[in-house]
Amino acid sequence: MIKTKDFIIRTIEYNDIEYIHSLNNSDFRGEYQEFQFESKKSLLKQFEADGLCSDLFQMLIIEKDNQIIGLVYISFVRLGLANIGLVICENQRSKNLGTQITSTIIDYLFNNYNLKRIQADTDINNIAAQKVLEKADFKKEGIMKSYRYHHGRYNDSVLYAITR
């Protein structure tokens, strides 16, 4: 568990599964998110296998005032490299939380894992996410053409990274 004065980032518990599955909608994911679960059954199966917290992938809950306000995704790609993703509930956006959470995750990962590089990508039109990454000291590395698939089409994505 990561605890700050403004939020908590924690592992998923069994009682969270129903709520997490309910977030599999465009209202929560927003205009730019591509991640979605196949079904509640597959989510539960993955949770039962590894608690959604393995050496390859971690899904963590963000809580504020005892309410779930978002999810963090961490994929350990290979030795020294992790990808991160963040989704925050719409009513919690534009409160500087994205930058605080991203910075907290960076510190957590660099302090607890043998990582040289953390990267993130976002839809080329998601200016708010790009600002969050830049405020958290990520550097823009380039454009990945037709990289993200969401809302029925392929979109370009901006790749960001931060190194130890």
Protein backbone atom coordinates (compact mmCIF):
# COMPACT_ATOMS: atom_id res chain seq x y z
CA MET A 1 0.00 0.00 0.00
CA ILE A 2 1.17 3.48 -0.86
CA LYS A 3 -0.32 6.13 1.38
CA THR A 4 -0.07 9.89 0.86
CA LYS A 5 -1.98 12.71 2.49
CA ASP A 6 -4.28 12.95 -0.55
CA PHE A 7 -4.81 9.34 -1.68
CA ILE A 8 -4.01 5.66 -1.20
CA ILE A 9 -2.82 3.26 -3.88
CA ARG A 10 -3.47 -0.35 -2.96
CA THR A 11 -3.83 -3.85 -4.31
CA ILE A 12 -7.23 -5.12 -5.34
CA GLU A 13 -9.34 -7.10 -2.92
CA TYR A 14 -12.03 -9.64 -3.79
CA ASN A 15 -14.77 -7.18 -2.80
CA ASP A 16 -13.45 -4.71 -5.41
CA ILE A 17 -14.03 -7.00 -8.40
CA GLU A 18 -17.68 -6.09 -8.96
CA TYR A 19 -16.90 -2.37 -8.82
CA ILE A 20 -13.87 -2.68 -11.09
CA HIS A 21 -15.95 -4.54 -13.63
CA SER A 22 -18.57 -1.78 -13.47
CA LEU A 23 -15.85 0.65 -14.58
CA ASN A 24 -15.67 -1.13 -17.94
CA ASN A 25 -17.60 1.58 -19.71
CA SER A 26 -16.82 4.63 -21.78
CA ASP A 27 -17.96 7.01 -19.02
CA PHE A 28 -15.13 5.82 -16.78
CA ARG A 29 -12.52 5.08 -19.44
CA GLY A 30 -13.21 8.36 -21.16
CA GLU A 31 -12.59 9.37 -24.71
CA TYR A 32 -9.04 8.01 -24.99
CA GLN A 33 -8.74 4.78 -22.98
CA GLU A 34 -8.52 1.49 -24.79
CA PHE A 35 -8.23 -0.92 -21.84
CA GLN A 36 -11.27 -3.01 -21.05
CA PHE A 37 -12.02 -6.37 -19.51
CA GLU A 38 -13.34 -9.24 -21.57
CA SER A 39 -15.89 -10.21 -18.94
CA LYS A 40 -16.47 -10.25 -15.22
CA LYS A 41 -15.66 -13.97 -15.28
CA SER A 42 -12.25 -13.41 -16.90
CA LEU A 43 -11.47 -10.60 -14.44
CA LEU A 44 -12.37 -12.87 -11.52
CA LYS A 45 -10.31 -15.71 -12.98
CA GLN A 46 -7.26 -13.44 -13.29
CA PHE A 47 -7.83 -12.15 -9.74
CA GLU A 48 -8.03 -15.70 -8.39
CA ALA A 49 -4.83 -16.66 -10.23
CA ASP A 50 -2.61 -13.80 -9.07
CA GLY A 51 -4.65 -11.09 -7.33
CA LEU A 52 -4.08 -8.88 -10.39
CA CYS A 53 -0.64 -8.27 -8.91
CA SER A 54 2.05 -10.43 -10.52
CA ASP A 55 5.64 -10.11 -11.69
CA LEU A 56 4.31 -9.19 -15.14
CA PHE A 57 1.25 -7.05 -14.48
CA GLN A 58 -0.27 -5.13 -11.59
CA MET A 59 -3.62 -3.42 -11.40
CA LEU A 60 -3.90 -1.15 -8.36
CA ILE A 61 -6.77 0.87 -6.95
CA ILE A 62 -6.57 4.57 -6.16
CA GLU A 63 -8.71 5.66 -3.22
CA LYS A 64 -9.48 9.10 -1.89
CA ASP A 65 -11.69 9.65 1.14
CA ASN A 66 -12.54 5.90 1.16
CA GLN A 67 -13.86 6.09 -2.42
CA ILE A 68 -12.28 4.43 -5.45
CA ILE A 69 -11.27 7.22 -7.81
CA GLY A 70 -9.14 5.37 -10.32
CA LEU A 71 -6.90 2.53 -11.38
CA VAL A 72 -3.18 2.20 -12.04
CA TYR A 73 -1.83 -0.36 -14.51
CA ILE A 74 1.79 -1.47 -14.41
CA SER A 75 3.19 -3.87 -16.99
CA PHE A 76 6.70 -5.18 -16.48
CA VAL A 77 7.83 -5.56 -20.09
CA ARG A 78 11.32 -6.93 -19.53
CA LEU A 79 14.24 -6.48 -17.16
CA GLY A 80 14.57 -2.77 -16.46
CA LEU A 81 11.43 -1.63 -18.28
CA ALA A 82 7.86 -1.00 -17.12
CA ASN A 83 4.84 0.60 -18.79
CA ILE A 84 2.33 2.48 -16.68
CA GLY A 85 -1.23 3.57 -17.27
CA LEU A 86 -3.64 5.58 -15.18
CA VAL A 87 -7.39 6.15 -15.32
CA ILE A 88 -9.03 8.60 -12.95
CA CYS A 89 -12.79 9.00 -12.49
CA GLU A 90 -14.09 11.96 -14.42
CA ASN A 91 -15.24 13.83 -11.30
CA GLN A 92 -11.66 13.71 -9.93
CA ARG A 93 -9.90 15.01 -13.04
CA SER A 94 -8.43 18.52 -13.29
CA LYS A 95 -7.44 18.54 -9.62
CA ASN A 96 -3.69 17.88 -10.14
CA LEU A 97 -4.24 14.34 -8.83
CA GLY A 98 -2.98 12.76 -12.06
CA THR A 99 0.45 14.35 -11.67
CA GLN A 100 0.62 13.50 -7.96
CA ILE A 101 -0.39 9.88 -8.56
CA THR A 102 1.99 9.49 -11.52
CA SER A 103 4.90 10.93 -9.52
CA THR A 104 4.08 8.64 -6.60
CA ILE A 105 4.02 5.59 -8.89
CA ILE A 106 7.37 6.60 -10.43
CA ASP A 107 8.96 6.88 -6.99
CA TYR A 108 7.43 3.57 -5.92
CA LEU A 109 8.67 1.74 -8.99
CA PHE A 110 12.20 3.17 -8.97
CA ASN A 111 12.54 2.54 -5.23
CA ASN A 112 11.19 -1.03 -5.27
CA TYR A 113 12.12 -2.53 -8.64
CA ASN A 114 15.29 -2.80 -10.66
CA LEU A 115 14.04 -0.46 -13.38
CA LYS A 116 16.04 1.74 -15.69
CA ARG A 117 13.07 3.08 -17.64
CA ILE A 118 9.37 3.71 -17.11
CA GLN A 119 7.26 4.57 -20.11
CA ALA A 120 3.70 5.59 -20.84
CA ASP A 121 1.77 6.41 -23.95
CA THR A 122 -1.38 8.32 -24.58
CA ASP A 123 -3.63 9.17 -27.47
CA ILE A 124 -2.18 11.99 -29.55
CA ASN A 125 -5.29 14.07 -28.81
CA ASN A 126 -5.24 13.51 -25.03
CA ILE A 127 -3.56 16.79 -24.15
CA ALA A 128 -4.49 16.54 -20.45
CA ALA A 129 -2.65 13.20 -20.09
CA GLN A 130 0.35 14.60 -21.96
CA LYS A 131 0.49 17.52 -19.52
CA VAL A 132 0.30 15.11 -16.55
CA LEU A 133 3.22 13.08 -17.90
CA GLU A 134 5.31 16.17 -18.64
CA LYS A 135 4.64 17.62 -15.16
CA ALA A 136 5.80 14.26 -13.71
CA ASP A 137 9.11 14.69 -15.62
CA PHE A 138 8.42 12.26 -18.44
CA LYS A 139 10.04 13.22 -21.74
CA LYS A 140 8.22 12.99 -25.05
CA GLU A 141 10.04 10.52 -27.29
CA GLY A 142 7.89 10.34 -30.38
CA ILE A 143 4.69 9.44 -32.13
CA MET A 144 3.58 5.85 -32.68
CA LYS A 145 1.37 5.71 -35.75
CA SER A 146 -1.96 3.82 -35.52
CA TYR A 147 -0.89 2.42 -32.14
CA ARG A 148 -4.02 2.67 -29.97
CA TYR A 149 -7.35 1.10 -30.81
CA HIS A 150 -10.37 2.56 -29.09
CA HIS A 151 -13.87 3.60 -29.96
CA GLY A 152 -13.73 1.62 -33.19
CA ARG A 153 -10.61 3.06 -34.81
CA TYR A 154 -6.82 3.18 -34.65
CA ASN A 155 -5.24 6.35 -33.36
CA ASP A 156 -1.72 7.69 -33.12
CA SER A 157 -0.15 7.70 -29.67
CA VAL A 158 2.55 9.80 -28.03
CA LEU A 159 5.30 7.84 -26.26
CA TYR A 160 6.77 9.26 -23.06
CA ALA A 161 9.53 7.90 -20.83
CA ILE A 162 11.50 8.67 -17.73
CA THR A 163 14.79 7.00 -16.85
CA ARG A 164 16.53 6.44 -13.58
